[in-house]
PDB file of all heavy atoms in Angstrom:
ATOM      1  N   THR A   1      -4.324  -8.335  21.963  1.00  0.00           N
ATOM      2  CA  THR A   1      -3.575  -8.981  20.882  1.00  0.00           C
ATOM      3  C   THR A   1      -4.341  -8.895  19.563  1.00  0.00           C
ATOM      4  O   THR A   1      -5.539  -9.175  19.508  1.00  0.00           O
ATOM      5  CB  THR A   1      -3.306 -10.455  21.225  1.00  0.00           C
ATOM      6  OG1 THR A   1      -2.546 -10.519  22.433  1.00  0.00           O
ATOM      7  CG2 THR A   1      -2.514 -11.129  20.101  1.00  0.00           C
ATOM      8  N   PHE A   2      -3.612  -8.509  18.518  1.00  0.00           N
ATOM      9  CA  PHE A   2      -4.206  -8.400  17.184  1.00  0.00           C
ATOM     10  C   PHE A   2      -3.500  -9.367  16.239  1.00  0.00           C
ATOM     11  O   PHE A   2      -2.300  -9.228  15.976  1.00  0.00           O
ATOM     12  CB  PHE A   2      -4.039  -6.967  16.649  1.00  0.00           C
ATOM     13  CG  PHE A   2      -4.825  -5.932  17.409  1.00  0.00           C
ATOM     14  CD1 PHE A   2      -4.302  -5.352  18.561  1.00  0.00           C
ATOM     15  CD2 PHE A   2      -6.079  -5.544  16.980  1.00  0.00           C
ATOM     16  CE1 PHE A   2      -5.010  -4.410  19.267  1.00  0.00           C
ATOM     17  CE2 PHE A   2      -6.806  -4.599  17.673  1.00  0.00           C
ATOM     18  CZ  PHE A   2      -6.271  -4.016  18.826  1.00  0.00           C
ATOM     19  N   GLU A   3      -4.242 -10.341  15.762  1.00  0.00           N
ATOM     20  CA  GLU A   3      -3.701 -11.266  14.771  1.00  0.00           C
ATOM     21  C   GLU A   3      -3.811 -10.645  13.380  1.00  0.00           C
ATOM     22  O   GLU A   3      -4.798  -9.975  13.071  1.00  0.00           O
ATOM     23  CB  GLU A   3      -4.459 -12.599  14.812  1.00  0.00           C
ATOM     24  CG  GLU A   3      -4.295 -13.362  16.107  1.00  0.00           C
ATOM     25  CD  GLU A   3      -5.050 -14.670  16.082  1.00  0.00           C
ATOM     26  OE1 GLU A   3      -5.618 -15.017  15.012  1.00  0.00           O
ATOM     27  OE2 GLU A   3      -5.087 -15.346  17.119  1.00  0.00           O
ATOM     28  N   GLY A   4      -2.794 -10.896  12.569  1.00  0.00           N
ATOM     29  CA  GLY A   4      -2.791 -10.319  11.220  1.00  0.00           C
ATOM     30  C   GLY A   4      -2.712  -8.816  11.242  1.00  0.00           C
ATOM     31  O   GLY A   4      -3.372  -8.118  10.464  1.00  0.00           O
ATOM     32  N   TRP A   5      -1.872  -8.264  12.145  1.00  0.00           N
ATOM     33  CA  TRP A   5      -1.772  -6.811  12.290  1.00  0.00           C
ATOM     34  C   TRP A   5      -1.383  -6.153  10.962  1.00  0.00           C
ATOM     35  O   TRP A   5      -0.490  -6.602  10.265  1.00  0.00           O
ATOM     36  CB  TRP A   5      -0.747  -6.450  13.366  1.00  0.00           C
ATOM     37  CG  TRP A   5      -0.526  -4.965  13.490  1.00  0.00           C
ATOM     38  CD1 TRP A   5       0.513  -4.250  13.008  1.00  0.00           C
ATOM     39  CD2 TRP A   5      -1.388  -4.045  14.146  1.00  0.00           C
ATOM     40  NE1 TRP A   5       0.355  -2.923  13.309  1.00  0.00           N
ATOM     41  CE2 TRP A   5      -0.809  -2.759  14.014  1.00  0.00           C
ATOM     42  CE3 TRP A   5      -2.612  -4.154  14.826  1.00  0.00           C
ATOM     43  CZ2 TRP A   5      -1.395  -1.612  14.533  1.00  0.00           C
ATOM     44  CZ3 TRP A   5      -3.197  -2.999  15.348  1.00  0.00           C
ATOM     45  CH2 TRP A   5      -2.586  -1.751  15.206  1.00  0.00           C
ATOM     46  N   GLY A   6      -2.065  -5.087  10.660  1.00  0.00           N
ATOM     47  CA  GLY A   6      -1.833  -4.374   9.419  1.00  0.00           C
ATOM     48  C   GLY A   6      -2.876  -4.682   8.380  1.00  0.00           C
ATOM     49  O   GLY A   6      -3.116  -3.891   7.455  1.00  0.00           O
ATOM     50  N   THR A   7      -3.542  -5.843   8.534  1.00  0.00           N
ATOM     51  CA  THR A   7      -4.582  -6.228   7.565  1.00  0.00           C
ATOM     52  C   THR A   7      -5.990  -5.848   8.029  1.00  0.00           C
ATOM     53  O   THR A   7      -6.956  -6.058   7.302  1.00  0.00           O
ATOM     54  CB  THR A   7      -4.550  -7.746   7.316  1.00  0.00           C
ATOM     55  OG1 THR A   7      -4.898  -8.426   8.529  1.00  0.00           O
ATOM     56  CG2 THR A   7      -3.174  -8.210   6.857  1.00  0.00           C
ATOM     57  N   HIS A   8      -6.105  -5.322   9.277  1.00  0.00           N
ATOM     58  CA  HIS A   8      -7.387  -4.870   9.833  1.00  0.00           C
ATOM     59  C   HIS A   8      -8.343  -6.014  10.153  1.00  0.00           C
ATOM     60  O   HIS A   8      -9.508  -5.776  10.472  1.00  0.00           O
ATOM     61  CB  HIS A   8      -8.098  -3.889   8.899  1.00  0.00           C
ATOM     62  CG  HIS A   8      -7.225  -2.808   8.353  1.00  0.00           C
ATOM     63  ND1 HIS A   8      -6.779  -1.768   9.130  1.00  0.00           N
ATOM     64  CD2 HIS A   8      -6.701  -2.623   7.110  1.00  0.00           C
ATOM     65  CE1 HIS A   8      -6.023  -0.971   8.377  1.00  0.00           C
ATOM     66  NE2 HIS A   8      -5.948  -1.479   7.153  1.00  0.00           N
ATOM     67  N   SER A   9      -7.863  -7.261  10.058  1.00  0.00           N
ATOM     68  CA  SER A   9      -8.753  -8.385  10.334  1.00  0.00           C
ATOM     69  C   SER A   9      -7.941  -9.653  10.541  1.00  0.00           C
ATOM     70  O   SER A   9      -6.932  -9.870   9.871  1.00  0.00           O
ATOM     71  CB  SER A   9      -9.729  -8.587   9.168  1.00  0.00           C
ATOM     72  OG  SER A   9     -10.510  -9.747   9.365  1.00  0.00           O
ATOM     73  N   SER A  10      -8.387 -10.478  11.487  1.00  0.00           N
ATOM     74  CA  SER A  10      -7.733 -11.772  11.676  1.00  0.00           C
ATOM     75  C   SER A  10      -8.222 -12.772  10.633  1.00  0.00           C
ATOM     76  O   SER A  10      -7.718 -13.884  10.553  1.00  0.00           O
ATOM     77  CB  SER A  10      -8.041 -12.308  13.085  1.00  0.00           C
ATOM     78  OG  SER A  10      -9.439 -12.447  13.279  1.00  0.00           O
ATOM     79  N   ARG A  11      -9.202 -12.345   9.812  1.00  0.00           N
ATOM     80  CA  ARG A  11      -9.785 -13.242   8.801  1.00  0.00           C
ATOM     81  C   ARG A  11      -9.641 -12.669   7.401  1.00  0.00           C
ATOM     82  O   ARG A  11     -10.453 -12.926   6.519  1.00  0.00           O
ATOM     83  CB  ARG A  11     -11.269 -13.457   9.115  1.00  0.00           C
ATOM     84  CG  ARG A  11     -11.531 -14.122  10.453  1.00  0.00           C
ATOM     85  CD  ARG A  11     -13.007 -14.134  10.765  1.00  0.00           C
ATOM     86  NE  ARG A  11     -13.509 -12.796  11.022  1.00  0.00           N
ATOM     87  CZ  ARG A  11     -14.800 -12.523  11.239  1.00  0.00           C
ATOM     88  NH1 ARG A  11     -15.693 -13.490  11.217  1.00  0.00           N
ATOM     89  NH2 ARG A  11     -15.199 -11.289  11.473  1.00  0.00           N
ATOM     90  N   ALA A  12      -8.602 -11.885   7.194  1.00  0.00           N
ATOM     91  CA  ALA A  12      -8.473 -11.183   5.904  1.00  0.00           C
ATOM     92  C   ALA A  12      -8.204 -12.134   4.744  1.00  0.00           C
ATOM     93  O   ALA A  12      -8.497 -11.820   3.591  1.00  0.00           O
ATOM     94  CB  ALA A  12      -7.346 -10.163   5.994  1.00  0.00           C
ATOM     95  N   ASN A  13      -7.619 -13.305   5.033  1.00  0.00           N
ATOM     96  CA  ASN A  13      -7.328 -14.296   3.987  1.00  0.00           C
ATOM     97  C   ASN A  13      -6.426 -13.744   2.884  1.00  0.00           C
ATOM     98  O   ASN A  13      -6.576 -14.058   1.702  1.00  0.00           O
ATOM     99  CB  ASN A  13      -8.624 -14.833   3.355  1.00  0.00           C
ATOM    100  CG  ASN A  13      -9.469 -15.604   4.352  1.00  0.00           C
ATOM    101  OD1 ASN A  13      -8.926 -16.271   5.234  1.00  0.00           O
ATOM    102  ND2 ASN A  13     -10.769 -15.523   4.219  1.00  0.00           N
ATOM    103  N   ILE A  14      -5.506 -12.872   3.273  1.00  0.00           N
ATOM    104  CA  ILE A  14      -4.522 -12.363   2.325  1.00  0.00           C
ATOM    105  C   ILE A  14      -3.215 -13.081   2.626  1.00  0.00           C
ATOM    106  O   ILE A  14      -2.521 -12.774   3.582  1.00  0.00           O
ATOM    107  CB  ILE A  14      -4.341 -10.835   2.456  1.00  0.00           C
ATOM    108  CG1 ILE A  14      -5.687 -10.137   2.208  1.00  0.00           C
ATOM    109  CG2 ILE A  14      -3.296 -10.325   1.479  1.00  0.00           C
ATOM    110  CD1 ILE A  14      -5.664  -8.652   2.477  1.00  0.00           C
ATOM    111  N   ASN A  15      -2.908 -14.075   1.813  1.00  0.00           N
ATOM    112  CA  ASN A  15      -1.768 -14.947   2.112  1.00  0.00           C
ATOM    113  C   ASN A  15      -0.432 -14.329   1.716  1.00  0.00           C
ATOM    114  O   ASN A  15       0.608 -14.682   2.258  1.00  0.00           O
ATOM    115  CB  ASN A  15      -1.957 -16.280   1.386  1.00  0.00           C
ATOM    116  CG  ASN A  15      -3.209 -17.004   1.864  1.00  0.00           C
ATOM    117  OD1 ASN A  15      -3.498 -16.997   3.054  1.00  0.00           O
ATOM    118  ND2 ASN A  15      -3.939 -17.602   0.947  1.00  0.00           N
ATOM    119  N   ALA A  16      -0.445 -13.410   0.780  1.00  0.00           N
ATOM    120  CA  ALA A  16       0.796 -12.802   0.315  1.00  0.00           C
ATOM    121  C   ALA A  16       1.001 -11.447   0.982  1.00  0.00           C
ATOM    122  O   ALA A  16       0.062 -10.818   1.479  1.00  0.00           O
ATOM    123  CB  ALA A  16       0.748 -12.625  -1.204  1.00  0.00           C
ATOM    124  N   ALA A  17       2.267 -11.010   1.013  1.00  0.00           N
ATOM    125  CA  ALA A  17       2.560  -9.672   1.499  1.00  0.00           C
ATOM    126  C   ALA A  17       1.965  -8.664   0.512  1.00  0.00           C
ATOM    127  O   ALA A  17       1.780  -8.967  -0.666  1.00  0.00           O
ATOM    128  CB  ALA A  17       4.069  -9.483   1.609  1.00  0.00           C
ATOM    129  N   TYR A  18       1.648  -7.473   1.021  1.00  0.00           N
ATOM    130  CA  TYR A  18       1.105  -6.470   0.112  1.00  0.00           C
ATOM    131  C   TYR A  18       1.596  -5.074   0.472  1.00  0.00           C
ATOM    132  O   TYR A  18       2.172  -4.846   1.544  1.00  0.00           O
ATOM    133  CB  TYR A  18      -0.417  -6.527   0.059  1.00  0.00           C
ATOM    134  CG  TYR A  18      -1.138  -6.152   1.327  1.00  0.00           C
ATOM    135  CD1 TYR A  18      -1.489  -4.830   1.582  1.00  0.00           C
ATOM    136  CD2 TYR A  18      -1.504  -7.132   2.250  1.00  0.00           C
ATOM    137  CE1 TYR A  18      -2.170  -4.483   2.739  1.00  0.00           C
ATOM    138  CE2 TYR A  18      -2.184  -6.796   3.406  1.00  0.00           C
ATOM    139  CZ  TYR A  18      -2.517  -5.464   3.649  1.00  0.00           C
ATOM    140  OH  TYR A  18      -3.182  -5.137   4.782  1.00  0.00           O
ATOM    141  N   LEU A  19       1.366  -4.152  -0.423  1.00  0.00           N
ATOM    142  CA  LEU A  19       1.828  -2.782  -0.295  1.00  0.00           C
ATOM    143  C   LEU A  19       0.628  -1.850  -0.409  1.00  0.00           C
ATOM    144  O   LEU A  19      -0.252  -2.063  -1.232  1.00  0.00           O
ATOM    145  CB  LEU A  19       2.830  -2.482  -1.416  1.00  0.00           C
ATOM    146  CG  LEU A  19       3.584  -1.147  -1.372  1.00  0.00           C
ATOM    147  CD1 LEU A  19       4.626  -1.166  -0.259  1.00  0.00           C
ATOM    148  CD2 LEU A  19       4.253  -0.893  -2.728  1.00  0.00           C
ATOM    149  N   THR A  20       0.590  -0.816   0.437  1.00  0.00           N
ATOM    150  CA  THR A  20      -0.473   0.183   0.330  1.00  0.00           C
ATOM    151  C   THR A  20       0.119   1.555   0.026  1.00  0.00           C
ATOM    152  O   THR A  20       1.206   1.894   0.510  1.00  0.00           O
ATOM    153  CB  THR A  20      -1.304   0.282   1.623  1.00  0.00           C
ATOM    154  OG1 THR A  20      -0.511   0.858   2.660  1.00  0.00           O
ATOM    155  CG2 THR A  20      -1.801  -1.069   2.062  1.00  0.00           C
ATOM    156  N   MET A  21      -0.594   2.308  -0.756  1.00  0.00           N
ATOM    157  CA  MET A  21      -0.236   3.696  -1.047  1.00  0.00           C
ATOM    158  C   MET A  21      -1.502   4.520  -1.071  1.00  0.00           C
ATOM    159  O   MET A  21      -2.585   3.993  -1.314  1.00  0.00           O
ATOM    160  CB  MET A  21       0.488   3.798  -2.397  1.00  0.00           C
ATOM    161  CG  MET A  21       1.886   3.199  -2.395  1.00  0.00           C
ATOM    162  SD  MET A  21       2.781   3.496  -3.943  1.00  0.00           S
ATOM    163  CE  MET A  21       1.975   2.314  -5.024  1.00  0.00           C
ATOM    164  N   ALA A  22      -1.373   5.816  -0.803  1.00  0.00           N
ATOM    165  CA  ALA A  22      -2.530   6.686  -0.769  1.00  0.00           C
ATOM    166  C   ALA A  22      -2.299   7.918  -1.635  1.00  0.00           C
ATOM    167  O   ALA A  22      -1.169   8.390  -1.787  1.00  0.00           O
ATOM    168  CB  ALA A  22      -2.832   7.113   0.670  1.00  0.00           C
ATOM    169  N   ALA A  23      -3.392   8.406  -2.200  1.00  0.00           N
ATOM    170  CA  ALA A  23      -3.360   9.669  -2.941  1.00  0.00           C
ATOM    171  C   ALA A  23      -3.981  10.730  -2.041  1.00  0.00           C
ATOM    172  O   ALA A  23      -5.198  10.911  -2.030  1.00  0.00           O
ATOM    173  CB  ALA A  23      -4.120   9.537  -4.255  1.00  0.00           C
ATOM    174  N   GLY A  24      -3.145  11.397  -1.245  1.00  0.00           N
ATOM    175  CA  GLY A  24      -3.603  12.426  -0.339  1.00  0.00           C
ATOM    176  C   GLY A  24      -3.683  13.775  -1.035  1.00  0.00           C
ATOM    177  O   GLY A  24      -3.100  13.990  -2.105  1.00  0.00           O
ATOM    178  N   ILE A  25      -4.403  14.702  -0.414  1.00  0.00           N
ATOM    179  CA  ILE A  25      -4.597  16.020  -1.014  1.00  0.00           C
ATOM    180  C   ILE A  25      -3.250  16.708  -1.249  1.00  0.00           C
ATOM    181  O   ILE A  25      -2.346  16.647  -0.408  1.00  0.00           O
ATOM    182  CB  ILE A  25      -5.517  16.888  -0.117  1.00  0.00           C
ATOM    183  CG1 ILE A  25      -5.980  18.124  -0.882  1.00  0.00           C
ATOM    184  CG2 ILE A  25      -4.857  17.248   1.191  1.00  0.00           C
ATOM    185  CD1 ILE A  25      -7.143  18.845  -0.236  1.00  0.00           C
ATOM    186  N   GLY A  26      -3.101  17.309  -2.384  1.00  0.00           N
ATOM    187  CA  GLY A  26      -1.851  17.957  -2.767  1.00  0.00           C
ATOM    188  C   GLY A  26      -0.974  17.108  -3.662  1.00  0.00           C
ATOM    189  O   GLY A  26      -0.011  17.614  -4.250  1.00  0.00           O
ATOM    190  N   ILE A  27      -1.295  15.808  -3.798  1.00  0.00           N
ATOM    191  CA  ILE A  27      -0.504  14.931  -4.656  1.00  0.00           C
ATOM    192  C   ILE A  27      -0.718  15.315  -6.125  1.00  0.00           C
ATOM    193  O   ILE A  27      -1.771  15.828  -6.504  1.00  0.00           O
ATOM    194  CB  ILE A  27      -0.876  13.446  -4.430  1.00  0.00           C
ATOM    195  CG1 ILE A  27       0.155  12.509  -5.070  1.00  0.00           C
ATOM    196  CG2 ILE A  27      -2.285  13.154  -4.918  1.00  0.00           C
ATOM    197  CD1 ILE A  27      -0.041  11.055  -4.723  1.00  0.00           C
ATOM    198  N   GLU A  28       0.303  15.082  -6.958  1.00  0.00           N
ATOM    199  CA  GLU A  28       0.221  15.382  -8.382  1.00  0.00           C
ATOM    200  C   GLU A  28       0.547  14.142  -9.198  1.00  0.00           C
ATOM    201  O   GLU A  28       1.169  13.200  -8.701  1.00  0.00           O
ATOM    202  CB  GLU A  28       1.191  16.519  -8.732  1.00  0.00           C
ATOM    203  CG  GLU A  28       0.880  17.813  -7.997  1.00  0.00           C
ATOM    204  CD  GLU A  28       1.906  18.906  -8.299  1.00  0.00           C
ATOM    205  OE1 GLU A  28       2.905  18.620  -8.977  1.00  0.00           O
ATOM    206  OE2 GLU A  28       1.683  20.055  -7.859  1.00  0.00           O
ATOM    207  N   LYS A  29       0.138  14.143 -10.469  1.00  0.00           N
ATOM    208  CA  LYS A  29       0.404  12.997 -11.339  1.00  0.00           C
ATOM    209  C   LYS A  29       1.910  12.746 -11.471  1.00  0.00           C
ATOM    210  O   LYS A  29       2.336  11.587 -11.574  1.00  0.00           O
ATOM    211  CB  LYS A  29      -0.214  13.226 -12.721  1.00  0.00           C
ATOM    212  CG  LYS A  29      -1.717  13.046 -12.761  1.00  0.00           C
ATOM    213  CD  LYS A  29      -2.244  13.132 -14.180  1.00  0.00           C
ATOM    214  CE  LYS A  29      -3.749  12.854 -14.207  1.00  0.00           C
ATOM    215  NZ  LYS A  29      -4.310  12.915 -15.583  1.00  0.00           N
ATOM    216  N   ALA A  30       2.691  13.801 -11.430  1.00  0.00           N
ATOM    217  CA  ALA A  30       4.153  13.643 -11.517  1.00  0.00           C
ATOM    218  C   ALA A  30       4.681  12.820 -10.357  1.00  0.00           C
ATOM    219  O   ALA A  30       5.650  12.060 -10.503  1.00  0.00           O
ATOM    220  CB  ALA A  30       4.830  15.012 -11.559  1.00  0.00           C
ATOM    221  N   ASP A  31       4.058  12.943  -9.182  1.00  0.00           N
ATOM    222  CA  ASP A  31       4.463  12.146  -8.020  1.00  0.00           C
ATOM    223  C   ASP A  31       4.224  10.662  -8.283  1.00  0.00           C
ATOM    224  O   ASP A  31       5.053   9.812  -7.944  1.00  0.00           O
ATOM    225  CB  ASP A  31       3.681  12.572  -6.772  1.00  0.00           C
ATOM    226  CG  ASP A  31       3.956  14.011  -6.373  1.00  0.00           C
ATOM    227  OD1 ASP A  31       5.120  14.444  -6.480  1.00  0.00           O
ATOM    228  OD2 ASP A  31       3.012  14.702  -5.953  1.00  0.00           O
ATOM    229  N   VAL A  32       3.075  10.356  -8.891  1.00  0.00           N
ATOM    230  CA  VAL A  32       2.755   8.960  -9.199  1.00  0.00           C
ATOM    231  C   VAL A  32       3.748   8.401 -10.202  1.00  0.00           C
ATOM    232  O   VAL A  32       4.197   7.245 -10.085  1.00  0.00           O
ATOM    233  CB  VAL A  32       1.323   8.842  -9.744  1.00  0.00           C
ATOM    234  CG1 VAL A  32       1.011   7.406 -10.169  1.00  0.00           C
ATOM    235  CG2 VAL A  32       0.304   9.313  -8.706  1.00  0.00           C
ATOM    236  N   ASP A  33       4.129   9.194 -11.182  1.00  0.00           N
ATOM    237  CA  ASP A  33       5.104   8.742 -12.181  1.00  0.00           C
ATOM    238  C   ASP A  33       6.426   8.368 -11.536  1.00  0.00           C
ATOM    239  O   ASP A  33       7.044   7.344 -11.868  1.00  0.00           O
ATOM    240  CB  ASP A  33       5.324   9.830 -13.240  1.00  0.00           C
ATOM    241  CG  ASP A  33       4.091  10.063 -14.101  1.00  0.00           C
ATOM    242  OD1 ASP A  33       3.252   9.139 -14.203  1.00  0.00           O
ATOM    243  OD2 ASP A  33       3.965  11.170 -14.664  1.00  0.00           O
ATOM    244  N   VAL A  34       6.873   9.187 -10.590  1.00  0.00           N
ATOM    245  CA  VAL A  34       8.126   8.899  -9.882  1.00  0.00           C
ATOM    246  C   VAL A  34       7.988   7.637  -9.055  1.00  0.00           C
ATOM    247  O   VAL A  34       8.886   6.786  -9.044  1.00  0.00           O
ATOM    248  CB  VAL A  34       8.525  10.083  -8.980  1.00  0.00           C
ATOM    249  CG1 VAL A  34       9.741   9.729  -8.116  1.00  0.00           C
ATOM    250  CG2 VAL A  34       8.845  11.324  -9.825  1.00  0.00           C
ATOM    251  N   VAL A  35       6.869   7.502  -8.339  1.00  0.00           N
ATOM    252  CA  VAL A  35       6.623   6.314  -7.515  1.00  0.00           C
ATOM    253  C   VAL A  35       6.653   5.053  -8.367  1.00  0.00           C
ATOM    254  O   VAL A  35       7.268   4.038  -7.997  1.00  0.00           O
ATOM    255  CB  VAL A  35       5.268   6.435  -6.777  1.00  0.00           C
ATOM    256  CG1 VAL A  35       4.894   5.099  -6.141  1.00  0.00           C
ATOM    257  CG2 VAL A  35       5.327   7.508  -5.712  1.00  0.00           C
ATOM    258  N   MET A  36       5.988   5.080  -9.492  1.00  0.00           N
ATOM    259  CA  MET A  36       5.924   3.893 -10.350  1.00  0.00           C
ATOM    260  C   MET A  36       7.309   3.529 -10.874  1.00  0.00           C
ATOM    261  O   MET A  36       7.663   2.336 -10.952  1.00  0.00           O
ATOM    262  CB  MET A  36       4.961   4.142 -11.509  1.00  0.00           C
ATOM    263  CG  MET A  36       3.518   4.336 -11.087  1.00  0.00           C
ATOM    264  SD  MET A  36       2.879   3.008 -10.027  1.00  0.00           S
ATOM    265  CE  MET A  36       3.056   1.621 -11.124  1.00  0.00           C
ATOM    266  N   GLU A  37       8.098   4.526 -11.215  1.00  0.00           N
ATOM    267  CA  GLU A  37       9.464   4.263 -11.694  1.00  0.00           C
ATOM    268  C   GLU A  37      10.289   3.570 -10.617  1.00  0.00           C
ATOM    269  O   GLU A  37      10.981   2.579 -10.882  1.00  0.00           O
ATOM    270  CB  GLU A  37      10.122   5.596 -12.083  1.00  0.00           C
ATOM    271  CG  GLU A  37      11.565   5.457 -12.537  1.00  0.00           C
ATOM    272  CD  GLU A  37      12.235   6.799 -12.769  1.00  0.00           C
ATOM    273  OE1 GLU A  37      11.521   7.809 -12.962  1.00  0.00           O
ATOM    274  OE2 GLU A  37      13.477   6.854 -12.729  1.00  0.00           O
ATOM    275  N   LYS A  38      10.179   4.063  -9.376  1.00  0.00           N
ATOM    276  CA  LYS A  38      10.950   3.484  -8.271  1.00  0.00           C
ATOM    277  C   LYS A  38      10.403   2.110  -7.872  1.00  0.00           C
ATOM    278  O   LYS A  38      11.170   1.205  -7.502  1.00  0.00           O
ATOM    279  CB  LYS A  38      10.920   4.429  -7.060  1.00  0.00           C
ATOM    280  CG  LYS A  38      11.550   5.790  -7.310  1.00  0.00           C
ATOM    281  CD  LYS A  38      13.012   5.687  -7.659  1.00  0.00           C
ATOM    282  CE  LYS A  38      13.622   7.061  -7.864  1.00  0.00           C
ATOM    283  NZ  LYS A  38      15.051   6.989  -8.256  1.00  0.00           N
ATOM    284  N   LEU A  39       9.069   1.939  -7.933  1.00  0.00           N
ATOM    285  CA  LEU A  39       8.477   0.655  -7.581  1.00  0.00           C
ATOM    286  C   LEU A  39       8.915  -0.425  -8.565  1.00  0.00           C
ATOM    287  O   LEU A  39       9.246  -1.551  -8.152  1.00  0.00           O
ATOM    288  CB  LEU A  39       6.948   0.773  -7.567  1.00  0.00           C
ATOM    289  CG  LEU A  39       6.168  -0.510  -7.249  1.00  0.00           C
ATOM    290  CD1 LEU A  39       6.567  -1.071  -5.886  1.00  0.00           C
ATOM    291  CD2 LEU A  39       4.655  -0.240  -7.304  1.00  0.00           C
ATOM    292  N   ILE A  40       8.908  -0.114  -9.839  1.00  0.00           N
ATOM    293  CA  ILE A  40       9.366  -1.078 -10.852  1.00  0.00           C
ATOM    294  C   ILE A  40      10.819  -1.442 -10.603  1.00  0.00           C
ATOM    295  O   ILE A  40      11.219  -2.624 -10.704  1.00  0.00           O
ATOM    296  CB  ILE A  40       9.176  -0.493 -12.263  1.00  0.00           C
ATOM    297  CG1 ILE A  40       7.678  -0.403 -12.593  1.00  0.00           C
ATOM    298  CG2 ILE A  40       9.884  -1.357 -13.299  1.00  0.00           C
ATOM    299  CD1 ILE A  40       7.374   0.372 -13.853  1.00  0.00           C
ATOM    300  N   GLU A  41      11.614  -0.464 -10.245  1.00  0.00           N
ATOM    301  CA  GLU A  41      13.043  -0.705  -9.947  1.00  0.00           C
ATOM    302  C   GLU A  41      13.189  -1.659  -8.765  1.00  0.00           C
ATOM    303  O   GLU A  41      13.995  -2.602  -8.815  1.00  0.00           O
ATOM    304  CB  GLU A  41      13.710   0.637  -9.632  1.00  0.00           C
ATOM    305  CG  GLU A  41      15.183   0.556  -9.285  1.00  0.00           C
ATOM    306  CD  GLU A  41      15.750   1.918  -8.896  1.00  0.00           C
ATOM    307  OE1 GLU A  41      15.427   2.914  -9.570  1.00  0.00           O
ATOM    308  OE2 GLU A  41      16.497   1.990  -7.886  1.00  0.00           O
TER     309      GLU A  41
END
């Protein structure tokens, strides 16, 4: 059993929901611009 699954720790003390994103190889600045536009929306 894993408490706080997704946070990598049962003691993470992150009370709010959160979002993760990664900049993997091959990503371009234009991709980030599109992501930010959609995230704001």
